[in-house]
C-alpha atoms as a PDB file:
ATOM      1  CA  UNK A   1     -38.028  -6.913   7.015  1.00  0.00           C
ATOM      2  CA  UNK A   2     -36.866 -10.417   7.192  1.00  0.00           C
ATOM      3  CA  UNK A   3     -37.864 -13.001   4.614  1.00  0.00           C
ATOM      4  CA  UNK A   4     -39.488 -16.252   5.640  1.00  0.00           C
ATOM      5  CA  UNK A   5     -36.659 -18.293   4.139  1.00  0.00           C
ATOM      6  CA  UNK A   6     -32.801 -17.188   4.128  1.00  0.00           C
ATOM      7  CA  UNK A   7     -30.768 -17.049   1.001  1.00  0.00           C
ATOM      8  CA  UNK A   8     -31.738 -16.235  -2.632  1.00  0.00           C
ATOM      9  CA  UNK A   9     -35.424 -16.831  -3.385  1.00  0.00           C
ATOM     10  CA  UNK A  10     -34.449 -18.343  -6.753  1.00  0.00           C
ATOM     11  CA  UNK A  11     -32.800 -21.358  -4.688  1.00  0.00           C
ATOM     12  CA  UNK A  12     -36.173 -22.411  -3.822  1.00  0.00           C
ATOM     13  CA  UNK A  13     -38.811 -24.345  -5.813  1.00  0.00           C
ATOM     14  CA  UNK A  14     -42.263 -22.839  -5.142  1.00  0.00           C
ATOM     15  CA  UNK A  15     -44.671 -25.587  -5.029  1.00  0.00           C
ATOM     16  CA  UNK A  16     -47.759 -25.296  -7.053  1.00  0.00           C
ATOM     17  CA  UNK A  17     -50.786 -24.513  -4.845  1.00  0.00           C
ATOM     18  CA  UNK A  18     -53.524 -27.047  -4.660  1.00  0.00           C
ATOM     19  CA  UNK A  19     -56.666 -25.948  -6.271  1.00  0.00           C
ATOM     20  CA  UNK A  20     -59.694 -27.190  -4.357  1.00  0.00           C
ATOM     21  CA  UNK A  21     -62.397 -26.684  -6.826  1.00  0.00           C
ATOM     22  CA  UNK A  22     -64.796 -29.569  -6.764  1.00  0.00           C
ATOM     23  CA  UNK A  23     -62.833 -31.654  -3.924  1.00  0.00           C
ATOM     24  CA  UNK A  24     -64.436 -32.564  -0.715  1.00  0.00           C
ATOM     25  CA  UNK A  25     -62.830 -32.897   2.624  1.00  0.00           C
ATOM     26  CA  UNK A  26     -59.116 -32.369   2.542  1.00  0.00           C
ATOM     27  CA  UNK A  27     -57.732 -34.544   5.459  1.00  0.00           C
ATOM     28  CA  UNK A  28     -54.122 -33.086   5.418  1.00  0.00           C
ATOM     29  CA  UNK A  29     -55.039 -29.679   6.644  1.00  0.00           C
ATOM     30  CA  UNK A  30     -57.764 -30.919   9.203  1.00  0.00           C
ATOM     31  CA  UNK A  31     -56.884 -30.830  12.871  1.00  0.00           C
ATOM     32  CA  UNK A  32     -59.015 -32.014  15.855  1.00  0.00           C
ATOM     33  CA  UNK A  33     -59.371 -29.558  18.667  1.00  0.00           C
ATOM     34  CA  UNK A  34     -60.376 -29.673  22.116  1.00  0.00           C
ATOM     35  CA  UNK A  35     -63.986 -29.051  21.105  1.00  0.00           C
ATOM     36  CA  UNK A  36     -64.181 -32.419  19.290  1.00  0.00           C
ATOM     37  CA  UNK A  37     -64.677 -30.622  15.907  1.00  0.00           C
ATOM     38  CA  UNK A  38     -62.671 -31.207  12.679  1.00  0.00           C
ATOM     39  CA  UNK A  39     -60.896 -27.952  12.041  1.00  0.00           C
ATOM     40  CA  UNK A  40     -59.213 -26.503   8.970  1.00  0.00           C
ATOM     41  CA  UNK A  41     -56.196 -23.892   9.342  1.00  0.00           C
ATOM     42  CA  UNK A  42     -57.307 -20.763   7.259  1.00  0.00           C
ATOM     43  CA  UNK A  43     -55.005 -17.795   6.530  1.00  0.00           C
ATOM     44  CA  UNK A  44     -56.864 -14.341   6.270  1.00  0.00           C
ATOM     45  CA  UNK A  45     -55.068 -11.446   4.553  1.00  0.00           C
ATOM     46  CA  UNK A  46     -58.007  -9.062   3.879  1.00  0.00           C
ATOM     47  CA  UNK A  47     -61.032  -7.842   5.935  1.00  0.00           C
ATOM     48  CA  UNK A  48     -60.959 -11.208   8.006  1.00  0.00           C
ATOM     49  CA  UNK A  49     -57.980  -9.675   9.921  1.00  0.00           C
ATOM     50  CA  UNK A  50     -60.734  -7.823  11.747  1.00  0.00           C
ATOM     51  CA  UNK A  51     -61.344 -10.329  14.549  1.00  0.00           C
ATOM     52  CA  UNK A  52     -65.038  -9.079  15.259  1.00  0.00           C
ATOM     53  CA  UNK A  53     -65.968  -9.576  11.560  1.00  0.00           C
ATOM     54  CA  UNK A  54     -64.484 -13.113  11.442  1.00  0.00           C
ATOM     55  CA  UNK A  55     -66.282 -13.923  14.730  1.00  0.00           C
ATOM     56  CA  UNK A  56     -69.458 -12.538  13.288  1.00  0.00           C
ATOM     57  CA  UNK A  57     -69.087 -14.606  10.066  1.00  0.00           C
ATOM     58  CA  UNK A  58     -67.726 -17.705  11.687  1.00  0.00           C
ATOM     59  CA  UNK A  59     -68.587 -18.019  15.449  1.00  0.00           C
ATOM     60  CA  UNK A  60     -66.708 -21.319  15.880  1.00  0.00           C
ATOM     61  CA  UNK A  61     -63.428 -19.839  14.682  1.00  0.00           C
ATOM     62  CA  UNK A  62     -60.155 -19.730  16.781  1.00  0.00           C
ATOM     63  CA  UNK A  63     -57.465 -17.175  16.224  1.00  0.00           C
ATOM     64  CA  UNK A  64     -54.014 -19.015  16.114  1.00  0.00           C
ATOM     65  CA  UNK A  65     -51.691 -16.053  15.558  1.00  0.00           C
ATOM     66  CA  UNK A  66     -49.903 -13.997  12.851  1.00  0.00           C
ATOM     67  CA  UNK A  67     -48.218 -15.652   9.848  1.00  0.00           C
ATOM     68  CA  UNK A  68     -46.186 -15.015   6.570  1.00  0.00           C
ATOM     69  CA  UNK A  69     -47.241 -16.328   3.268  1.00  0.00           C
ATOM     70  CA  UNK A  70     -44.034 -16.530   1.330  1.00  0.00           C
ATOM     71  CA  UNK A  71     -43.766 -15.660  -2.454  1.00  0.00           C
ATOM     72  CA  UNK A  72     -47.318 -13.630  -2.630  1.00  0.00           C
ATOM     73  CA  UNK A  73     -47.795  -9.805  -2.816  1.00  0.00           C
ATOM     74  CA  UNK A  74     -50.824  -8.066  -1.219  1.00  0.00           C
ATOM     75  CA  UNK A  75     -52.822  -6.181  -3.605  1.00  0.00           C
ATOM     76  CA  UNK A  76     -56.404  -4.820  -4.238  1.00  0.00           C
ATOM     77  CA  UNK A  77     -57.962  -6.910  -7.054  1.00  0.00           C
ATOM     78  CA  UNK A  78     -59.899  -5.604 -10.005  1.00  0.00           C
ATOM     79  CA  UNK A  79     -63.183  -6.378  -8.015  1.00  0.00           C
ATOM     80  CA  UNK A  80     -62.036  -3.977  -5.274  1.00  0.00           C
ATOM     81  CA  UNK A  81     -60.996  -6.507  -2.475  1.00  0.00           C
ATOM     82  CA  UNK A  82     -57.814  -7.902  -1.142  1.00  0.00           C
ATOM     83  CA  UNK A  83     -55.909 -10.515  -3.051  1.00  0.00           C
ATOM     84  CA  UNK A  84     -52.621 -12.063  -3.063  1.00  0.00           C
ATOM     85  CA  UNK A  85     -50.737 -12.645  -6.296  1.00  0.00           C
ATOM     86  CA  UNK A  86     -47.530 -14.942  -7.032  1.00  0.00           C
ATOM     87  CA  UNK A  87     -44.363 -12.862  -6.536  1.00  0.00           C
ATOM     88  CA  UNK A  88     -40.890 -14.430  -5.697  1.00  0.00           C
ATOM     89  CA  UNK A  89     -39.380 -11.428  -3.726  1.00  0.00           C
ATOM     90  CA  UNK A  90     -42.535 -10.721  -1.676  1.00  0.00           C
ATOM     91  CA  UNK A  91     -44.433 -12.113   1.411  1.00  0.00           C
ATOM     92  CA  UNK A  92     -47.758 -11.464   2.830  1.00  0.00           C
ATOM     93  CA  UNK A  93     -48.721 -11.227   6.543  1.00  0.00           C
ATOM     94  CA  UNK A  94     -52.137 -12.217   7.800  1.00  0.00           C
ATOM     95  CA  UNK A  95     -53.733 -14.202  10.597  1.00  0.00           C
ATOM     96  CA  UNK A  96     -54.233 -18.051  10.910  1.00  0.00           C
ATOM     97  CA  UNK A  97     -57.606 -19.160  12.251  1.00  0.00           C
ATOM     98  CA  UNK A  98     -58.903 -22.605  12.638  1.00  0.00           C
ATOM     99  CA  UNK A  99     -62.327 -22.961  11.106  1.00  0.00           C
ATOM    100  CA  UNK A 100     -64.811 -25.725  11.233  1.00  0.00           C
ATOM    101  CA  UNK A 101     -66.382 -27.292   8.186  1.00  0.00           C
ATOM    102  CA  UNK A 102     -69.527 -25.139   8.626  1.00  0.00           C
ATOM    103  CA  UNK A 103     -67.325 -21.877   8.914  1.00  0.00           C
ATOM    104  CA  UNK A 104     -65.557 -22.947   5.619  1.00  0.00           C
ATOM    105  CA  UNK A 105     -69.000 -23.288   3.804  1.00  0.00           C
ATOM    106  CA  UNK A 106     -69.896 -19.867   4.947  1.00  0.00           C
ATOM    107  CA  UNK A 107     -66.544 -18.400   3.941  1.00  0.00           C
ATOM    108  CA  UNK A 108     -67.110 -19.986   0.728  1.00  0.00           C
ATOM    109  CA  UNK A 109     -70.233 -17.961   0.184  1.00  0.00           C
ATOM    110  CA  UNK A 110     -68.681 -14.703   1.469  1.00  0.00           C
ATOM    111  CA  UNK A 111     -65.588 -15.191  -0.799  1.00  0.00           C
ATOM    112  CA  UNK A 112     -67.720 -15.864  -3.662  1.00  0.00           C
ATOM    113  CA  UNK A 113     -66.386 -19.356  -4.542  1.00  0.00           C
ATOM    114  CA  UNK A 114     -65.855 -20.388  -7.412  1.00  0.00           C
ATOM    115  CA  UNK A 115     -66.930 -17.220  -9.147  1.00  0.00           C
ATOM    116  CA  UNK A 116     -64.708 -14.572  -7.387  1.00  0.00           C
ATOM    117  CA  UNK A 117     -62.098 -16.504  -5.331  1.00  0.00           C
ATOM    118  CA  UNK A 118     -60.806 -20.119  -5.472  1.00  0.00           C
ATOM    119  CA  UNK A 119     -59.499 -22.009  -2.680  1.00  0.00           C
ATOM    120  CA  UNK A 120     -55.824 -23.043  -2.461  1.00  0.00           C
ATOM    121  CA  UNK A 121     -53.761 -24.936   0.171  1.00  0.00           C
ATOM    122  CA  UNK A 122     -50.653 -23.001   0.741  1.00  0.00           C
ATOM    123  CA  UNK A 123     -47.825 -23.179   3.421  1.00  0.00           C
ATOM    124  CA  UNK A 124     -47.473 -20.312   5.817  1.00  0.00           C
ATOM    125  CA  UNK A 125     -45.107 -19.616   8.733  1.00  0.00           C
ATOM    126  CA  UNK A 126     -46.381 -18.955  12.332  1.00  0.00           C
ATOM    127  CA  UNK A 127     -44.659 -15.906  13.776  1.00  0.00           C
ATOM    128  CA  UNK A 128     -44.694 -17.075  17.300  1.00  0.00           C
ATOM    129  CA  UNK A 129     -43.299 -20.519  17.066  1.00  0.00           C
ATOM    130  CA  UNK A 130     -42.022 -20.859  13.413  1.00  0.00           C
ATOM    131  CA  UNK A 131     -44.245 -23.821  12.627  1.00  0.00           C
ATOM    132  CA  UNK A 132     -45.104 -24.261   8.854  1.00  0.00           C
ATOM    133  CA  UNK A 133     -48.802 -25.170   8.539  1.00  0.00           C
ATOM    134  CA  UNK A 134     -50.894 -25.995   5.368  1.00  0.00           C
ATOM    135  CA  UNK A 135     -53.680 -23.527   5.385  1.00  0.00           C
ATOM    136  CA  UNK A 136     -56.640 -22.746   3.243  1.00  0.00           C
ATOM    137  CA  UNK A 137     -56.327 -19.406   1.345  1.00  0.00           C
ATOM    138  CA  UNK A 138     -58.833 -17.801  -0.932  1.00  0.00           C
ATOM    139  CA  UNK A 139     -57.219 -16.248  -3.978  1.00  0.00           C
ATOM    140  CA  UNK A 140     -58.800 -14.519  -6.918  1.00  0.00           C
ATOM    141  CA  UNK A 141     -56.773 -15.999 -10.171  1.00  0.00           C
ATOM    142  CA  UNK A 142     -57.406 -12.744 -11.984  1.00  0.00           C
ATOM    143  CA  UNK A 143     -54.350 -10.662 -10.962  1.00  0.00           C
ATOM    144  CA  UNK A 144     -55.140  -7.421 -12.271  1.00  0.00           C
ATOM    145  CA  UNK A 145     -55.071  -4.679  -9.744  1.00  0.00           C
ATOM    146  CA  UNK A 146     -58.187  -2.126  -8.985  1.00  0.00           C
ATOM    147  CA  UNK A 147     -59.516   0.426  -6.833  1.00  0.00           C
ATOM    148  CA  UNK A 148     -60.695  -0.365  -3.347  1.00  0.00           C
ATOM    149  CA  UNK A 149     -64.412  -0.360  -2.525  1.00  0.00           C
ATOM    150  CA  UNK A 150     -65.138   2.612  -0.116  1.00  0.00           C
ATOM    151  CA  UNK A 151     -66.812   0.317   2.546  1.00  0.00           C
ATOM    152  CA  UNK A 152     -63.776  -1.910   2.529  1.00  0.00           C
ATOM    153  CA  UNK A 153     -61.193   0.658   3.686  1.00  0.00           C
ATOM    154  CA  UNK A 154     -62.868   0.783   7.068  1.00  0.00           C
ATOM    155  CA  UNK A 155     -62.764  -2.991   7.517  1.00  0.00           C
ATOM    156  CA  UNK A 156     -59.230  -3.273   6.418  1.00  0.00           C
ATOM    157  CA  UNK A 157     -58.242  -0.745   8.871  1.00  0.00           C
ATOM    158  CA  UNK A 158     -60.067  -2.314  11.830  1.00  0.00           C
ATOM    159  CA  UNK A 159     -58.179  -5.591  10.687  1.00  0.00           C
ATOM    160  CA  UNK A 160     -54.900  -3.748  10.808  1.00  0.00           C
ATOM    161  CA  UNK A 161     -55.804  -2.410  14.349  1.00  0.00           C
ATOM    162  CA  UNK A 162     -56.092  -6.039  15.600  1.00  0.00           C
ATOM    163  CA  UNK A 163     -52.961  -7.276  13.632  1.00  0.00           C
ATOM    164  CA  UNK A 164     -50.465  -5.549  15.966  1.00  0.00           C
ATOM    165  CA  UNK A 165     -47.507  -8.011  14.981  1.00  0.00           C
ATOM    166  CA  UNK A 166     -47.748  -7.035  11.301  1.00  0.00           C
ATOM    167  CA  UNK A 167     -44.887  -4.707  10.759  1.00  0.00           C
ATOM    168  CA  UNK A 168     -45.569  -1.121   9.907  1.00  0.00           C
ATOM    169  CA  UNK A 169     -43.176  -1.027   7.142  1.00  0.00           C
ATOM    170  CA  UNK A 170     -44.969  -3.870   5.460  1.00  0.00           C
ATOM    171  CA  UNK A 171     -48.280  -2.174   5.919  1.00  0.00           C
ATOM    172  CA  UNK A 172     -46.774   0.986   4.416  1.00  0.00           C
ATOM    173  CA  UNK A 173     -45.241  -0.648   1.301  1.00  0.00           C
ATOM    174  CA  UNK A 174     -48.156  -3.034   0.440  1.00  0.00           C
ATOM    175  CA  UNK A 175     -51.466  -2.050   1.912  1.00  0.00           C
ATOM    176  CA  UNK A 176     -51.249   1.814   2.313  1.00  0.00           C
ATOM    177  CA  UNK A 177     -51.076   2.321  -1.662  1.00  0.00           C
ATOM    178  CA  UNK A 178     -54.526   0.963  -1.931  1.00  0.00           C
ATOM    179  CA  UNK A 179     -56.067   1.737   1.518  1.00  0.00           C
ATOM    180  CA  UNK A 180     -55.443   5.074   3.307  1.00  0.00           C
ATOM    181  CA  UNK A 181     -55.022   5.044   7.130  1.00  0.00           C
ATOM    182  CA  UNK A 182     -58.116   5.904   9.022  1.00  0.00           C
ATOM    183  CA  UNK A 183     -59.930   5.707  12.258  1.00  0.00           C
ATOM    184  CA  UNK A 184     -61.147   2.338  13.636  1.00  0.00           C
ATOM    185  CA  UNK A 185     -64.874   2.266  13.545  1.00  0.00           C
ATOM    186  CA  UNK A 186     -67.630  -0.245  14.011  1.00  0.00           C
ATOM    187  CA  UNK A 187     -69.345  -0.858  10.702  1.00  0.00           C
ATOM    188  CA  UNK A 188     -71.849  -3.379   9.492  1.00  0.00           C
ATOM    189  CA  UNK A 189     -70.534  -6.370   7.314  1.00  0.00           C
ATOM    190  CA  UNK A 190     -72.241  -5.721   4.251  1.00  0.00           C
ATOM    191  CA  UNK A 191     -72.065  -9.294   3.410  1.00  0.00           C
ATOM    192  CA  UNK A 192     -73.396 -10.571   6.554  1.00  0.00           C
ATOM    193  CA  UNK A 193     -75.539 -13.613   5.927  1.00  0.00           C
END
C-alpha cells in the first residue's frame, strides 16, 4: 500500500483538526456547483460509502470519488459504528461527496452531533487527480474500540461493494477485523428520518 506522503511520517507536522462545534458556515470548505447551491466537501468512511444510503439520506449529494485521509486509522467505536482515530502510520480510505447545507443538517442528526460525533475539517487526497481537499469529517472523540452492531455489517459491506477503488489489502487489514465479509443486500436504513 502506498502512503499519501513520501518519506518518514515523523517528518510531517500533523495539523490539529478544526473543531466545528458551535460554528456556523465555514466558507473555506464551501464550493459553488453548477446547481447554484453552496456545497461542502464531505469525507465518508463508514456506512455512507453505500451510495444508495447516502442518496437516500441526502438527495442533493454528489459523489466526487475515492480519497485517502492520512494519519487516521479506521475502527469500530465503543458505540458499534465506524470511527477514525489519530494514528501517524495509518491512513483511511473513503468517498468524497459534496453536500448542501440542508444535507449537512441531516447528517448532523444521523451522526448524533454533538453527542456521538464531532465535526472536523481535515485534508484528504483525491485518488483520481491527487487534489488535496479540506473536507468535513465526523469523528467520535472517544477512541475506545467496540463491537459492531449486527445491522451495520450489511450496510458496511454494501458500501464496500460500491467502493471498488479501495484496495482489498486495506479492507482486510482495517475493516475485516470488525466487519465479516458478507453478501450485498438491500436493507432499510434504521436511522432514516
